[in-house]
């Protein structure tokens, strides 16, 4: 007959605990395999869209196109254009200038 000694009971308990751990590992491995299989079935694009849905968009992001210029900006650009236009010098011989002038001015 088998005697019930504290050592044998402890061994049985450790064996049971080891079996439970093995079962947990198997369940985890099966779960991981299932997740991988699901992702493969969905395809990369669907898996990526699922991940993107989980993330929140950045609310402080700037607009990718330029904004409408303000009145001050328009005035600044106009004054800069006029300064450049005033500094513009064209050297043209008098004969060519006469040729380019219209003969009749209404």
N, C-alpha and C. Protein backbone atom coordinates (compact mmCIF):
# COMPACT_ATOMS: atom_id res chain seq x y z
N UNK A 1 0.81 -1.18 0.00
CA UNK A 1 0.00 0.00 0.00
C UNK A 1 0.86 1.26 0.00
N UNK A 2 0.24 2.25 -0.51
CA UNK A 2 0.94 3.52 -0.63
C UNK A 2 0.74 4.33 0.63
N UNK A 3 1.85 4.77 1.17
CA UNK A 3 1.76 5.56 2.39
C UNK A 3 1.63 7.03 2.02
N UNK A 4 0.90 7.75 2.85
CA UNK A 4 0.75 9.19 2.63
C UNK A 4 1.76 9.92 3.50
N UNK A 5 2.83 10.23 2.90
CA UNK A 5 3.85 10.98 3.62
C UNK A 5 3.81 12.41 3.10
N UNK A 6 4.24 13.33 3.92
CA UNK A 6 4.23 14.73 3.49
C UNK A 6 5.09 14.96 2.25
N UNK A 7 6.14 14.21 2.07
CA UNK A 7 7.02 14.38 0.93
C UNK A 7 6.30 13.97 -0.35
N UNK A 8 5.61 12.85 -0.31
CA UNK A 8 4.89 12.38 -1.49
C UNK A 8 3.74 13.31 -1.85
N UNK A 9 3.08 13.83 -0.86
CA UNK A 9 1.98 14.78 -1.11
C UNK A 9 2.52 16.06 -1.76
N UNK A 10 3.66 16.52 -1.30
CA UNK A 10 4.28 17.71 -1.89
C UNK A 10 4.68 17.44 -3.33
N UNK A 11 5.20 16.24 -3.58
CA UNK A 11 5.58 15.88 -4.95
C UNK A 11 4.35 15.87 -5.85
N UNK A 12 3.25 15.32 -5.36
CA UNK A 12 2.01 15.29 -6.13
C UNK A 12 1.53 16.71 -6.42
N UNK A 13 1.62 17.58 -5.42
CA UNK A 13 1.19 18.97 -5.60
C UNK A 13 2.07 19.68 -6.64
N UNK A 14 3.37 19.47 -6.56
CA UNK A 14 4.26 20.10 -7.53
C UNK A 14 4.00 19.57 -8.93
N UNK A 15 3.72 18.29 -9.05
CA UNK A 15 3.42 17.70 -10.35
C UNK A 15 2.13 18.30 -10.90
N UNK A 16 1.12 18.46 -10.04
CA UNK A 16 -0.15 19.07 -10.48
C UNK A 16 0.09 20.51 -10.93
N UNK A 17 0.90 21.25 -10.16
CA UNK A 17 1.20 22.64 -10.51
C UNK A 17 1.93 22.72 -11.86
N UNK A 18 2.88 21.81 -12.06
CA UNK A 18 3.61 21.78 -13.32
C UNK A 18 2.68 21.47 -14.49
N UNK A 19 1.74 20.56 -14.27
CA UNK A 19 0.77 20.23 -15.31
C UNK A 19 -0.11 21.43 -15.63
N UNK A 20 -0.52 22.16 -14.60
CA UNK A 20 -1.33 23.36 -14.81
C UNK A 20 -0.55 24.41 -15.60
N UNK A 21 0.73 24.58 -15.27
CA UNK A 21 1.56 25.54 -16.00
C UNK A 21 1.71 25.14 -17.46
N UNK A 22 1.89 23.85 -17.69
CA UNK A 22 2.00 23.36 -19.07
C UNK A 22 0.72 23.63 -19.83
N UNK A 23 -0.43 23.40 -19.18
CA UNK A 23 -1.72 23.66 -19.82
C UNK A 23 -1.85 25.15 -20.16
N UNK A 24 -1.45 26.01 -19.23
CA UNK A 24 -1.51 27.46 -19.48
C UNK A 24 -0.63 27.83 -20.67
N UNK A 25 0.58 27.28 -20.73
CA UNK A 25 1.48 27.56 -21.85
C UNK A 25 0.88 27.11 -23.16
N UNK A 26 0.27 25.91 -23.16
CA UNK A 26 -0.36 25.42 -24.37
C UNK A 26 -1.51 26.32 -24.80
N UNK A 27 -2.31 26.77 -23.84
CA UNK A 27 -3.41 27.68 -24.16
C UNK A 27 -2.88 28.98 -24.75
N UNK A 28 -1.82 29.52 -24.14
CA UNK A 28 -1.24 30.76 -24.65
C UNK A 28 -0.70 30.58 -26.06
N UNK A 29 -0.03 29.46 -26.30
CA UNK A 29 0.50 29.19 -27.63
C UNK A 29 -0.62 29.06 -28.66
N UNK A 30 -1.69 28.36 -28.26
CA UNK A 30 -2.83 28.21 -29.17
C UNK A 30 -3.47 29.55 -29.46
N UNK A 31 -3.55 30.39 -28.42
CA UNK A 31 -4.14 31.73 -28.60
C UNK A 31 -3.28 32.56 -29.56
N UNK A 32 -1.96 32.51 -29.39
CA UNK A 32 -1.05 33.25 -30.27
C UNK A 32 -1.18 32.76 -31.70
N UNK A 33 -1.25 31.44 -31.87
CA UNK A 33 -1.41 30.88 -33.21
C UNK A 33 -2.72 31.33 -33.84
N UNK A 34 -3.76 31.39 -33.02
CA UNK A 34 -5.06 31.82 -33.52
C UNK A 34 -5.01 33.27 -33.98
N UNK A 35 -4.35 34.11 -33.19
CA UNK A 35 -4.22 35.53 -33.54
C UNK A 35 -3.45 35.68 -34.85
N UNK A 36 -2.36 34.94 -34.99
CA UNK A 36 -1.57 35.00 -36.21
C UNK A 36 -2.39 34.52 -37.40
N UNK A 37 -3.12 33.42 -37.21
CA UNK A 37 -3.97 32.91 -38.29
C UNK A 37 -5.03 33.93 -38.69
N UNK A 38 -5.63 34.57 -37.70
CA UNK A 38 -6.65 35.59 -37.99
C UNK A 38 -6.05 36.74 -38.80
N UNK A 39 -4.86 37.18 -38.42
CA UNK A 39 -4.22 38.28 -39.14
C UNK A 39 -3.88 37.87 -40.56
N UNK A 40 -3.46 36.63 -40.71
CA UNK A 40 -3.13 36.17 -42.06
C UNK A 40 -4.39 36.08 -42.91
N UNK A 41 -5.49 35.69 -42.30
CA UNK A 41 -6.76 35.61 -43.05
C UNK A 41 -7.23 37.00 -43.44
N UNK A 42 -7.11 37.93 -42.52
CA UNK A 42 -7.56 39.29 -42.79
C UNK A 42 -6.71 39.95 -43.86
N UNK A 43 -5.45 39.62 -43.85
CA UNK A 43 -4.54 40.28 -44.78
C UNK A 43 -3.86 41.43 -44.07
N UNK A 44 -2.77 41.87 -44.65
CA UNK A 44 -2.00 42.93 -44.00
C UNK A 44 -2.77 44.24 -43.92
N UNK A 45 -3.51 44.55 -44.95
CA UNK A 45 -4.19 45.85 -44.98
C UNK A 45 -5.26 45.92 -43.88
N UNK A 46 -6.01 44.87 -43.71
CA UNK A 46 -7.06 44.89 -42.69
C UNK A 46 -6.46 44.88 -41.30
N UNK A 47 -5.37 44.14 -41.11
CA UNK A 47 -4.71 44.12 -39.81
C UNK A 47 -4.17 45.51 -39.48
N UNK A 48 -3.61 46.18 -40.48
CA UNK A 48 -3.09 47.53 -40.26
C UNK A 48 -4.22 48.51 -39.95
N UNK A 49 -5.36 48.37 -40.62
CA UNK A 49 -6.47 49.28 -40.35
C UNK A 49 -7.00 49.07 -38.94
N UNK A 50 -6.99 47.83 -38.46
CA UNK A 50 -7.41 47.58 -37.08
C UNK A 50 -6.48 48.29 -36.11
N UNK A 51 -5.17 48.22 -36.39
CA UNK A 51 -4.22 48.88 -35.51
C UNK A 51 -4.40 50.39 -35.57
N UNK A 52 -4.67 50.93 -36.77
CA UNK A 52 -4.84 52.37 -36.92
C UNK A 52 -6.10 52.86 -36.21
N UNK A 53 -7.13 52.02 -36.17
CA UNK A 53 -8.36 52.41 -35.49
C UNK A 53 -8.14 52.58 -34.00
N UNK A 54 -7.21 51.77 -33.44
CA UNK A 54 -6.95 51.84 -32.01
C UNK A 54 -6.22 53.12 -31.63
N UNK A 55 -5.39 53.65 -32.53
CA UNK A 55 -4.64 54.85 -32.21
C UNK A 55 -5.52 56.09 -32.39
N UNK A 56 -5.26 57.10 -31.58
CA UNK A 56 -6.03 58.34 -31.69
C UNK A 56 -5.28 59.31 -32.59
N UNK A 57 -5.99 60.09 -33.40
CA UNK A 57 -5.32 61.03 -34.30
C UNK A 57 -4.75 62.22 -33.52
N UNK A 58 -3.71 62.83 -34.08
CA UNK A 58 -3.11 64.02 -33.48
C UNK A 58 -4.01 65.21 -33.79
N UNK A 59 -4.50 65.84 -32.74
CA UNK A 59 -5.42 66.97 -32.94
C UNK A 59 -4.68 68.27 -33.21
N UNK A 60 -3.42 68.39 -32.81
CA UNK A 60 -2.68 69.63 -32.98
C UNK A 60 -1.90 69.68 -34.28
N UNK A 61 -2.20 68.81 -35.19
CA UNK A 61 -1.46 68.73 -36.44
C UNK A 61 -1.81 69.90 -37.35
N UNK A 62 -0.79 70.42 -38.06
CA UNK A 62 -1.03 71.54 -38.96
C UNK A 62 -1.69 71.06 -40.24
N UNK A 63 -2.34 71.99 -40.93
CA UNK A 63 -3.03 71.67 -42.17
C UNK A 63 -1.98 71.50 -43.27
N UNK A 64 -2.12 70.50 -44.15
CA UNK A 64 -1.10 70.26 -45.15
C UNK A 64 -1.10 71.22 -46.33
N UNK A 65 -2.02 72.15 -46.43
CA UNK A 65 -2.07 73.10 -47.52
C UNK A 65 -1.96 74.52 -46.95
N UNK A 66 -1.51 75.49 -47.75
CA UNK A 66 -1.30 76.84 -47.21
C UNK A 66 -2.63 77.53 -46.88
N UNK A 67 -2.54 78.40 -45.89
CA UNK A 67 -3.71 79.17 -45.48
C UNK A 67 -3.87 80.41 -46.34
N UNK A 68 -5.05 81.01 -46.32
CA UNK A 68 -5.31 82.24 -47.07
C UNK A 68 -4.48 83.36 -46.42
N UNK A 69 -3.70 84.11 -47.23
CA UNK A 69 -2.87 85.16 -46.64
C UNK A 69 -3.73 86.29 -46.05
N UNK A 70 -3.25 86.83 -44.95
CA UNK A 70 -3.98 87.92 -44.30
C UNK A 70 -3.73 89.23 -45.05
N UNK A 71 -4.46 90.26 -44.65
CA UNK A 71 -4.33 91.56 -45.31
C UNK A 71 -2.92 92.13 -45.11
N UNK A 72 -2.36 91.96 -43.91
CA UNK A 72 -1.02 92.46 -43.63
C UNK A 72 0.01 91.78 -44.53
N UNK A 73 -0.15 90.48 -44.70
CA UNK A 73 0.78 89.75 -45.55
C UNK A 73 0.68 90.22 -47.00
N UNK A 74 -0.54 90.46 -47.46
CA UNK A 74 -0.73 90.95 -48.83
C UNK A 74 -0.07 92.31 -49.01
N UNK A 75 -0.24 93.21 -48.04
CA UNK A 75 0.36 94.53 -48.10
C UNK A 75 1.89 94.45 -48.09
N UNK A 76 2.42 93.56 -47.28
CA UNK A 76 3.86 93.39 -47.20
C UNK A 76 4.42 92.90 -48.53
N UNK A 77 3.73 91.93 -49.14
CA UNK A 77 4.17 91.42 -50.44
C UNK A 77 4.09 92.50 -51.54
N UNK A 78 3.03 93.30 -51.50
CA UNK A 78 2.88 94.36 -52.49
C UNK A 78 3.99 95.41 -52.34
N UNK A 79 4.27 95.81 -51.11
CA UNK A 79 5.32 96.81 -50.90
C UNK A 79 6.69 96.26 -51.34
N UNK A 80 6.93 95.00 -51.08
CA UNK A 80 8.19 94.38 -51.52
C UNK A 80 8.26 94.35 -53.05
N UNK A 81 7.16 94.00 -53.69
CA UNK A 81 7.12 93.98 -55.15
C UNK A 81 7.39 95.37 -55.72
N UNK A 82 6.75 96.39 -55.15
CA UNK A 82 6.95 97.76 -55.65
C UNK A 82 8.39 98.22 -55.45
N UNK A 83 9.02 97.86 -54.33
CA UNK A 83 10.43 98.22 -54.12
C UNK A 83 11.31 97.59 -55.17
N UNK A 84 11.08 96.34 -55.46
CA UNK A 84 11.88 95.65 -56.48
C UNK A 84 11.61 96.28 -57.85
N UNK A 85 10.35 96.63 -58.14
CA UNK A 85 9.98 97.23 -59.42
C UNK A 85 10.64 98.60 -59.60
N UNK A 86 10.75 99.38 -58.51
CA UNK A 86 11.38 100.70 -58.58
C UNK A 86 12.87 100.57 -58.88
N UNK A 87 13.51 99.53 -58.37
CA UNK A 87 14.94 99.33 -58.57
C UNK A 87 15.26 98.73 -59.94
N UNK A 88 14.25 98.31 -60.66
CA UNK A 88 14.46 97.66 -61.95
C UNK A 88 14.97 98.65 -62.99
N UNK A 89 16.05 98.31 -63.64
CA UNK A 89 16.61 99.15 -64.68
C UNK A 89 16.75 98.33 -65.95
N UNK A 90 16.33 98.94 -67.06
CA UNK A 90 16.45 98.26 -68.35
C UNK A 90 17.25 99.17 -69.27
N UNK A 91 18.31 98.65 -69.81
CA UNK A 91 19.10 99.43 -70.79
C UNK A 91 18.72 98.95 -72.17
N UNK A 92 18.14 99.86 -72.92
CA UNK A 92 17.65 99.55 -74.26
C UNK A 92 18.10 100.68 -75.18
N UNK A 93 18.71 100.39 -76.27
CA UNK A 93 19.11 101.46 -77.20
C UNK A 93 17.89 102.24 -77.69
N UNK A 94 18.09 103.54 -77.93
CA UNK A 94 17.00 104.43 -78.33
C UNK A 94 16.33 103.97 -79.62
N UNK A 95 17.07 103.44 -80.55
CA UNK A 95 16.51 102.98 -81.82
C UNK A 95 15.54 101.83 -81.62
N UNK A 96 15.89 100.88 -80.76
CA UNK A 96 14.99 99.76 -80.49
C UNK A 96 13.73 100.22 -79.75
N UNK A 97 13.90 101.19 -78.86
CA UNK A 97 12.75 101.71 -78.13
C UNK A 97 11.77 102.36 -79.09
N UNK A 98 12.28 103.11 -80.09
CA UNK A 98 11.40 103.73 -81.07
C UNK A 98 10.69 102.69 -81.93
N UNK A 99 11.39 101.63 -82.25
CA UNK A 99 10.77 100.58 -83.06
C UNK A 99 9.64 99.89 -82.29
N UNK A 100 9.78 99.75 -80.99
CA UNK A 100 8.78 99.05 -80.20
C UNK A 100 7.60 99.95 -79.82
N UNK A 101 7.72 101.26 -79.98
CA UNK A 101 6.62 102.17 -79.66
C UNK A 101 5.55 102.09 -80.73
N UNK A 102 4.29 102.12 -80.31
CA UNK A 102 3.23 102.12 -81.32
C UNK A 102 3.22 103.44 -82.07
N UNK A 103 2.84 103.38 -83.33
CA UNK A 103 2.81 104.57 -84.17
C UNK A 103 1.59 105.45 -83.86
N UNK A 104 0.48 104.84 -83.59
CA UNK A 104 -0.75 105.59 -83.36
C UNK A 104 -1.24 105.33 -81.95
N UNK A 105 -1.43 106.38 -81.19
CA UNK A 105 -1.94 106.23 -79.84
C UNK A 105 -3.30 106.94 -79.78
N UNK A 106 -4.35 106.22 -79.49
CA UNK A 106 -5.68 106.86 -79.46
C UNK A 106 -5.91 107.76 -78.28
